[in-house]
Amino acid sequence: MKLLKVFTRGLWNEIPPFRLVLGLCPTLAVTRSAEDGLGMGLAVIFVLACSNMLVSSLRNLIPRQVRIACFVVIIASFVVVVELLSQAFFYPIYQSLGIFIPLIVVNCIILGRAEAFASRNGIIASGLDGLGMGLGFTLSLTVLGSIREILGQGTFFGAEVMWSSFRPFSFMVEAPGAFVTLGILLAIMNAISKSHQS
């Protein structure tokens, strides 16, 4: 039961962009479409789950004084793997995400989970924590990207979904559209949480 709680924590209670307010740079920058949000989210799931498990397995070997540097090296290694795999097999997504794939190395979510959870817990729990946080992050980015793509382009994963006379809100695919959409989603999540508490 404890492992299930560890896994599901990242799906609502500590969903990274909304509850922990971490990882906002990629959240706002790469969510112009649902496909980009999903692509970035999948990359983060891989890096987060793998780095959490490796940090957990090496936690007793890493000296406390250099732990952050070691965590960054571990995370960077998995980011290079993601970057090379996306270049080889998912080149359009790699081009679309651009510099944000290498910047996963400095994503607060990944380094934060390595420090706060993986360095203190076992391999299985750390892997589930990384998977749950990564899935929550992926869902956040995909929902945000979907809303922006539907309203800003009239498409969903590239397929037309709006009526023929629909005029897209070009504002939604620009940076201010990301902030507005994120703010509305934050308000909805807070309202849902308050209604569950009362």
Protein backbone atom coordinates (compact mmCIF):
# COMPACT_ATOMS: atom_id res chain seq x y z
CA MET A 1 0.00 0.00 0.00
CA LYS A 2 2.85 2.37 0.79
CA LEU A 3 4.33 1.89 -2.71
CA LEU A 4 0.96 2.70 -4.31
CA LYS A 5 0.84 5.93 -2.28
CA VAL A 6 4.38 6.80 -3.42
CA PHE A 7 3.38 6.23 -7.05
CA THR A 8 0.06 8.13 -6.98
CA ARG A 9 1.41 11.13 -5.05
CA GLY A 10 2.75 12.65 -8.27
CA LEU A 11 -0.58 12.23 -10.07
CA TRP A 12 -2.52 14.73 -7.92
CA ASN A 13 -1.24 15.61 -4.43
CA GLU A 14 2.22 16.66 -5.63
CA ILE A 15 1.71 17.04 -9.37
CA PRO A 16 4.87 18.93 -10.31
CA PRO A 17 3.80 22.06 -12.23
CA PHE A 18 0.61 22.64 -10.24
CA ARG A 19 1.28 21.54 -6.65
CA LEU A 20 5.05 21.77 -6.35
CA VAL A 21 5.28 24.62 -8.90
CA LEU A 22 8.42 23.03 -10.35
CA GLY A 23 9.45 22.58 -13.96
CA LEU A 24 7.59 25.67 -15.16
CA CYS A 25 10.13 26.55 -17.86
CA PRO A 26 9.42 23.48 -20.03
CA THR A 27 5.77 23.55 -18.94
CA LEU A 28 5.29 26.99 -20.44
CA ALA A 29 7.77 26.76 -23.31
CA VAL A 30 7.03 23.42 -24.97
CA THR A 31 3.26 23.18 -24.60
CA ARG A 32 2.23 24.88 -27.82
CA SER A 33 0.82 21.54 -28.90
CA ALA A 34 -0.33 18.31 -27.26
CA GLU A 35 2.34 16.37 -29.15
CA ASP A 36 5.17 18.54 -27.82
CA GLY A 37 3.81 18.30 -24.28
CA LEU A 38 3.57 14.52 -24.53
CA GLY A 39 7.05 14.23 -26.08
CA MET A 40 8.68 16.29 -23.34
CA GLY A 41 6.71 14.44 -20.69
CA LEU A 42 7.85 11.02 -21.94
CA ALA A 43 11.46 12.21 -21.97
CA VAL A 44 11.11 13.42 -18.38
CA ILE A 45 9.48 10.12 -17.28
CA PHE A 46 12.46 8.16 -18.62
CA VAL A 47 15.07 10.45 -17.08
CA LEU A 48 13.25 10.80 -13.76
CA ALA A 49 12.54 7.10 -13.22
CA CYS A 50 16.00 5.93 -14.34
CA SER A 51 17.95 8.60 -12.45
CA ASN A 52 15.89 8.03 -9.29
CA MET A 53 16.66 4.30 -9.37
CA LEU A 54 20.37 4.83 -10.04
CA VAL A 55 20.68 7.51 -7.34
CA SER A 56 18.90 5.21 -4.91
CA SER A 57 21.18 2.28 -5.72
CA LEU A 58 24.31 4.43 -5.27
CA ARG A 59 23.10 6.49 -2.29
CA ASN A 60 25.38 4.76 0.21
CA LEU A 61 28.43 5.12 -2.06
CA ILE A 62 28.09 8.81 -2.93
CA PRO A 63 29.87 11.10 -0.43
CA ARG A 64 27.48 13.63 1.09
CA GLN A 65 29.73 16.58 0.14
CA VAL A 66 29.52 15.89 -3.61
CA ARG A 67 26.04 14.38 -3.84
CA ILE A 68 24.50 17.18 -5.95
CA ALA A 69 27.34 17.04 -8.49
CA CYS A 70 26.97 13.25 -8.67
CA PHE A 71 23.20 13.55 -9.11
CA VAL A 72 23.71 16.00 -11.99
CA VAL A 73 26.15 13.62 -13.70
CA ILE A 74 23.68 10.74 -13.37
CA ILE A 75 20.80 12.85 -14.68
CA ALA A 76 22.92 14.23 -17.54
CA SER A 77 23.83 10.70 -18.62
CA PHE A 78 20.17 9.74 -18.99
CA VAL A 79 19.39 13.03 -20.76
CA VAL A 80 22.08 12.23 -23.35
CA VAL A 81 20.44 8.82 -23.87
CA VAL A 82 17.05 10.51 -24.40
CA GLU A 83 18.55 13.08 -26.75
CA LEU A 84 20.27 10.45 -28.90
CA LEU A 85 17.20 8.19 -28.99
CA SER A 86 14.91 11.07 -29.96
CA GLN A 87 17.34 12.15 -32.69
CA ALA A 88 17.45 8.61 -34.05
CA PHE A 89 13.80 7.57 -33.78
CA PHE A 90 11.63 10.67 -33.16
CA TYR A 91 13.40 13.37 -35.14
CA PRO A 92 10.35 15.67 -35.68
CA ILE A 93 9.74 15.79 -31.92
CA TYR A 94 13.45 16.29 -31.31
CA GLN A 95 13.40 19.29 -33.67
CA SER A 96 10.25 20.67 -32.11
CA LEU A 97 11.53 20.45 -28.53
CA GLY A 98 14.95 21.79 -29.47
CA ILE A 99 17.09 23.05 -26.60
CA PHE A 100 14.58 21.91 -24.00
CA ILE A 101 15.72 18.27 -24.20
CA PRO A 102 19.28 19.04 -22.99
CA LEU A 103 17.80 21.41 -20.39
CA ILE A 104 16.10 18.45 -18.70
CA VAL A 105 19.43 18.15 -16.83
CA VAL A 106 18.63 21.25 -14.80
CA ASN A 107 14.93 20.56 -14.37
CA CYS A 108 14.10 21.19 -10.71
CA ILE A 109 11.74 18.24 -10.56
CA ILE A 110 14.42 15.70 -11.42
CA LEU A 111 17.15 17.07 -9.18
CA GLY A 112 14.62 17.70 -6.42
CA ARG A 113 13.31 14.12 -6.49
CA ALA A 114 16.87 12.76 -6.50
CA GLU A 115 17.73 14.82 -3.41
CA ALA A 116 14.42 14.62 -1.53
CA PHE A 117 13.38 11.05 -2.25
CA ALA A 118 15.79 8.79 -4.15
CA SER A 119 18.78 9.54 -1.91
CA ARG A 120 16.76 8.41 1.13
CA ASN A 121 14.69 5.46 -0.15
CA GLY A 122 15.01 2.06 -1.81
CA ILE A 123 15.26 1.37 -5.54
CA ILE A 124 11.68 0.21 -6.11
CA ALA A 125 10.12 3.09 -4.17
CA SER A 126 12.42 5.57 -5.95
CA GLY A 127 11.52 4.13 -9.35
CA LEU A 128 7.80 4.37 -8.54
CA ASP A 129 8.25 7.92 -7.26
CA GLY A 130 10.01 8.88 -10.49
CA LEU A 131 7.37 7.17 -12.60
CA GLY A 132 4.48 8.78 -10.70
CA MET A 133 6.01 12.27 -10.75
CA GLY A 134 6.90 11.83 -14.42
CA LEU A 135 3.37 10.71 -15.31
CA GLY A 136 1.91 13.67 -13.43
CA PHE A 137 4.28 16.00 -15.27
CA THR A 138 3.39 14.36 -18.61
CA LEU A 139 -0.35 14.66 -17.97
CA SER A 140 0.11 18.32 -17.01
CA LEU A 141 2.06 19.14 -20.15
CA THR A 142 -0.27 17.19 -22.43
CA VAL A 143 -3.42 18.80 -21.00
CA LEU A 144 -1.87 22.26 -21.16
CA GLY A 145 -0.62 21.64 -24.71
CA SER A 146 -3.99 20.23 -25.79
CA ILE A 147 -5.92 23.28 -24.58
CA ARG A 148 -3.46 25.66 -26.22
CA GLU A 149 -3.42 23.69 -29.48
CA ILE A 150 -7.21 23.35 -29.71
CA LEU A 151 -7.89 27.02 -29.00
CA GLY A 152 -4.79 28.38 -30.74
CA GLN A 153 -4.76 26.25 -33.89
CA GLY A 154 -8.06 24.36 -33.98
CA THR A 155 -6.25 21.01 -33.97
CA PHE A 156 -5.62 18.17 -31.52
CA PHE A 157 -2.41 16.17 -32.08
CA GLY A 158 -2.34 17.80 -35.52
CA ALA A 159 -5.87 16.70 -36.57
CA GLU A 160 -8.55 19.32 -37.24
CA VAL A 161 -11.16 19.27 -34.46
CA MET A 162 -12.93 22.61 -34.77
CA TRP A 163 -15.64 23.70 -37.18
CA SER A 164 -14.74 25.26 -40.53
CA SER A 165 -15.55 28.85 -39.51
CA PHE A 166 -13.52 28.63 -36.29
CA ARG A 167 -10.97 31.42 -35.96
CA PRO A 168 -8.03 30.31 -33.79
CA PHE A 169 -6.92 32.47 -30.88
CA SER A 170 -3.31 32.96 -31.94
CA PHE A 171 -2.71 34.37 -28.46
CA MET A 172 -2.98 30.82 -27.07
CA VAL A 173 0.12 29.52 -28.86
CA GLU A 174 2.22 32.47 -27.71
CA ALA A 175 3.93 32.81 -24.31
CA PRO A 176 1.07 34.78 -22.66
CA GLY A 177 -1.35 32.01 -23.63
CA ALA A 178 0.76 29.55 -21.65
CA PHE A 179 0.56 31.72 -18.52
CA VAL A 180 -3.20 32.25 -18.85
CA THR A 181 -3.90 28.55 -19.42
CA LEU A 182 -1.64 27.53 -16.54
CA GLY A 183 -3.36 30.04 -14.25
CA ILE A 184 -6.83 28.77 -15.17
CA LEU A 185 -5.79 25.15 -14.63
CA LEU A 186 -4.24 26.06 -11.26
CA ALA A 187 -7.49 27.77 -10.22
CA ILE A 188 -9.54 24.72 -11.26
CA MET A 189 -7.25 22.34 -9.35
CA ASN A 190 -7.38 24.52 -6.22
CA ALA A 191 -11.18 24.70 -6.43
CA ILE A 192 -11.40 20.90 -6.74
CA SER A 193 -9.06 20.41 -3.79
CA LYS A 194 -11.02 22.84 -1.61
CA SER A 195 -14.33 21.15 -2.48
CA HIS A 196 -12.85 17.77 -1.45
CA GLN A 197 -11.64 19.19 1.86
CA SER A 198 -15.01 20.64 2.85
